[in-house]
C-alpha atoms as a PDB file:
ATOM      1  CA  UNK A   1       0.000   0.000   0.000  1.00  0.00           C
ATOM      2  CA  UNK A   2       1.365   3.397  -0.978  1.00  0.00           C
ATOM      3  CA  UNK A   3       1.567   6.374   1.370  1.00  0.00           C
ATOM      4  CA  UNK A   4      -1.300   8.038  -0.505  1.00  0.00           C
ATOM      5  CA  UNK A   5      -3.442   4.930  -0.151  1.00  0.00           C
ATOM      6  CA  UNK A   6      -2.677   4.813   3.577  1.00  0.00           C
ATOM      7  CA  UNK A   7      -3.677   8.454   3.960  1.00  0.00           C
ATOM      8  CA  UNK A   8      -6.911   7.883   2.029  1.00  0.00           C
ATOM      9  CA  UNK A   9      -7.788   4.854   4.143  1.00  0.00           C
ATOM     10  CA  UNK A  10      -6.999   6.727   7.364  1.00  0.00           C
ATOM     11  CA  UNK A  11      -9.193   9.655   6.313  1.00  0.00           C
ATOM     12  CA  UNK A  12     -12.048   7.355   5.351  1.00  0.00           C
ATOM     13  CA  UNK A  13     -11.765   5.480   8.665  1.00  0.00           C
ATOM     14  CA  UNK A  14     -11.707   8.784  10.560  1.00  0.00           C
ATOM     15  CA  UNK A  15     -14.963   9.865   8.932  1.00  0.00           C
ATOM     16  CA  UNK A  16     -16.502   6.415   9.368  1.00  0.00           C
ATOM     17  CA  UNK A  17     -15.705   6.356  13.099  1.00  0.00           C
ATOM     18  CA  UNK A  18     -16.988   9.925  13.581  1.00  0.00           C
ATOM     19  CA  UNK A  19     -20.301   8.838  12.105  1.00  0.00           C
ATOM     20  CA  UNK A  20     -20.439   5.562  14.020  1.00  0.00           C
ATOM     21  CA  UNK A  21     -20.456   3.456  10.871  1.00  0.00           C
ATOM     22  CA  UNK A  22     -19.119  -0.055  11.533  1.00  0.00           C
ATOM     23  CA  UNK A  23     -17.829  -0.784   8.031  1.00  0.00           C
ATOM     24  CA  UNK A  24     -16.711   1.390   5.128  1.00  0.00           C
ATOM     25  CA  UNK A  25     -19.601   2.465   2.949  1.00  0.00           C
ATOM     26  CA  UNK A  26     -20.434   4.898   0.185  1.00  0.00           C
ATOM     27  CA  UNK A  27     -21.403   7.764   2.511  1.00  0.00           C
ATOM     28  CA  UNK A  28     -18.210   7.617   4.556  1.00  0.00           C
ATOM     29  CA  UNK A  29     -16.141   7.405   1.375  1.00  0.00           C
ATOM     30  CA  UNK A  30     -18.033  10.384  -0.046  1.00  0.00           C
ATOM     31  CA  UNK A  31     -17.563  12.416   3.166  1.00  0.00           C
ATOM     32  CA  UNK A  32     -13.856  11.552   3.225  1.00  0.00           C
ATOM     33  CA  UNK A  33     -13.512  12.679  -0.393  1.00  0.00           C
ATOM     34  CA  UNK A  34     -15.309  15.947   0.362  1.00  0.00           C
ATOM     35  CA  UNK A  35     -13.048  16.534   3.364  1.00  0.00           C
ATOM     36  CA  UNK A  36      -9.942  15.854   1.278  1.00  0.00           C
ATOM     37  CA  UNK A  37     -11.091  18.322  -1.370  1.00  0.00           C
ATOM     38  CA  UNK A  38     -11.850  20.951   1.285  1.00  0.00           C
ATOM     39  CA  UNK A  39      -8.386  20.468   2.794  1.00  0.00           C
ATOM     40  CA  UNK A  40      -6.801  20.752  -0.648  1.00  0.00           C
ATOM     41  CA  UNK A  41      -8.752  23.928  -1.452  1.00  0.00           C
ATOM     42  CA  UNK A  42      -7.765  25.438   1.910  1.00  0.00           C
ATOM     43  CA  UNK A  43      -4.102  24.715   1.150  1.00  0.00           C
ATOM     44  CA  UNK A  44      -4.422  26.232  -2.325  1.00  0.00           C
ATOM     45  CA  UNK A  45      -5.947  29.362  -0.790  1.00  0.00           C
ATOM     46  CA  UNK A  46      -3.118  29.542   1.761  1.00  0.00           C
ATOM     47  CA  UNK A  47      -0.511  29.351  -1.027  1.00  0.00           C
ATOM     48  CA  UNK A  48      -2.407  31.977  -3.004  1.00  0.00           C
ATOM     49  CA  UNK A  49      -2.554  34.326  -0.018  1.00  0.00           C
ATOM     50  CA  UNK A  50       1.193  34.021   0.618  1.00  0.00           C
ATOM     51  CA  UNK A  51       2.014  34.703  -3.028  1.00  0.00           C
ATOM     52  CA  UNK A  52      -0.316  37.702  -3.061  1.00  0.00           C
ATOM     53  CA  UNK A  53       1.360  39.098   0.056  1.00  0.00           C
ATOM     54  CA  UNK A  54       4.781  38.725  -1.548  1.00  0.00           C
ATOM     55  CA  UNK A  55       3.717  40.069  -4.944  1.00  0.00           C
ATOM     56  CA  UNK A  56       5.696  43.284  -4.599  1.00  0.00           C
ATOM     57  CA  UNK A  57       8.833  41.281  -3.882  1.00  0.00           C
ATOM     58  CA  UNK A  58       8.543  38.737  -6.672  1.00  0.00           C
ATOM     59  CA  UNK A  59       7.750  41.312  -9.346  1.00  0.00           C
ATOM     60  CA  UNK A  60      11.254  42.659  -8.814  1.00  0.00           C
ATOM     61  CA  UNK A  61      12.563  39.225  -9.878  1.00  0.00           C
ATOM     62  CA  UNK A  62      11.302  39.829 -13.386  1.00  0.00           C
ATOM     63  CA  UNK A  63       8.297  38.973 -15.485  1.00  0.00           C
ATOM     64  CA  UNK A  64       9.272  35.329 -15.954  1.00  0.00           C
ATOM     65  CA  UNK A  65       9.035  34.487 -12.256  1.00  0.00           C
ATOM     66  CA  UNK A  66       6.112  36.811 -11.651  1.00  0.00           C
ATOM     67  CA  UNK A  67       4.106  35.038 -14.363  1.00  0.00           C
ATOM     68  CA  UNK A  68       5.014  31.612 -12.973  1.00  0.00           C
ATOM     69  CA  UNK A  69       3.903  32.556  -9.466  1.00  0.00           C
ATOM     70  CA  UNK A  70       0.842  34.526 -10.550  1.00  0.00           C
ATOM     71  CA  UNK A  71      -0.835  31.389 -11.912  1.00  0.00           C
ATOM     72  CA  UNK A  72      -0.998  30.098  -8.336  1.00  0.00           C
ATOM     73  CA  UNK A  73      -3.010  33.108  -7.134  1.00  0.00           C
ATOM     74  CA  UNK A  74      -6.732  32.477  -6.698  1.00  0.00           C
ATOM     75  CA  UNK A  75      -8.754  35.561  -7.507  1.00  0.00           C
ATOM     76  CA  UNK A  76     -10.782  36.509  -4.459  1.00  0.00           C
ATOM     77  CA  UNK A  77     -14.456  37.221  -5.034  1.00  0.00           C
ATOM     78  CA  UNK A  78     -15.533  40.848  -5.038  1.00  0.00           C
ATOM     79  CA  UNK A  79     -17.341  41.419  -1.709  1.00  0.00           C
ATOM     80  CA  UNK A  80     -19.693  43.950  -3.318  1.00  0.00           C
ATOM     81  CA  UNK A  81     -20.702  41.439  -5.998  1.00  0.00           C
ATOM     82  CA  UNK A  82     -21.210  38.770  -3.335  1.00  0.00           C
ATOM     83  CA  UNK A  83     -23.410  41.137  -1.323  1.00  0.00           C
ATOM     84  CA  UNK A  84     -25.425  41.906  -4.469  1.00  0.00           C
ATOM     85  CA  UNK A  85     -26.061  38.215  -5.167  1.00  0.00           C
ATOM     86  CA  UNK A  86     -26.892  37.564  -1.502  1.00  0.00           C
ATOM     87  CA  UNK A  87     -29.316  40.496  -1.290  1.00  0.00           C
ATOM     88  CA  UNK A  88     -31.047  40.048  -4.640  1.00  0.00           C
ATOM     89  CA  UNK A  89     -30.691  36.356  -5.383  1.00  0.00           C
ATOM     90  CA  UNK A  90     -29.502  37.451  -8.825  1.00  0.00           C
ATOM     91  CA  UNK A  91     -26.840  34.918  -9.763  1.00  0.00           C
ATOM     92  CA  UNK A  92     -25.783  37.055 -12.712  1.00  0.00           C
ATOM     93  CA  UNK A  93     -23.988  39.199 -10.188  1.00  0.00           C
ATOM     94  CA  UNK A  94     -22.890  42.782 -10.445  1.00  0.00           C
ATOM     95  CA  UNK A  95     -21.600  42.857 -14.016  1.00  0.00           C
ATOM     96  CA  UNK A  96     -24.700  44.545 -15.518  1.00  0.00           C
ATOM     97  CA  UNK A  97     -24.759  47.079 -12.673  1.00  0.00           C
ATOM     98  CA  UNK A  98     -21.030  47.765 -12.973  1.00  0.00           C
ATOM     99  CA  UNK A  99     -21.377  48.233 -16.746  1.00  0.00           C
ATOM    100  CA  UNK A 100     -24.317  50.605 -16.287  1.00  0.00           C
ATOM    101  CA  UNK A 101     -22.359  52.625 -13.740  1.00  0.00           C
ATOM    102  CA  UNK A 102     -19.266  52.703 -15.977  1.00  0.00           C
ATOM    103  CA  UNK A 103     -21.376  54.017 -18.857  1.00  0.00           C
ATOM    104  CA  UNK A 104     -22.241  56.938 -16.585  1.00  0.00           C
ATOM    105  CA  UNK A 105     -18.641  57.475 -15.516  1.00  0.00           C
ATOM    106  CA  UNK A 106     -19.201  55.931 -12.072  1.00  0.00           C
ATOM    107  CA  UNK A 107     -17.492  53.142 -10.231  1.00  0.00           C
ATOM    108  CA  UNK A 108     -17.992  51.367  -6.872  1.00  0.00           C
ATOM    109  CA  UNK A 109     -14.819  51.229  -4.816  1.00  0.00           C
ATOM    110  CA  UNK A 110     -14.057  49.708  -1.423  1.00  0.00           C
ATOM    111  CA  UNK A 111     -13.373  52.310   1.212  1.00  0.00           C
END
């Protein structure tokens, strides 16, 4: 058994025991997979945040390195657009509003 297989089995058993399931089943495997994806996404976000914090330093290394590192940055959602979707239920988001404002020479900015 490989190290990855051991980790997967341990994670599945952890979820199974938390749920009081005596034997591995579909639901514990599914929950373990979801947990693994959540952990992976959290790690990706952590890497992205560190790279974003260091962006002023790595741009001085030149465009080659900046481009290589920039692909690891996850674009954070616009909090104003999120608030719009939450308040209105409009999944289209803020794009039409932002375009209408821009046509009038206006722009929403975070203060």
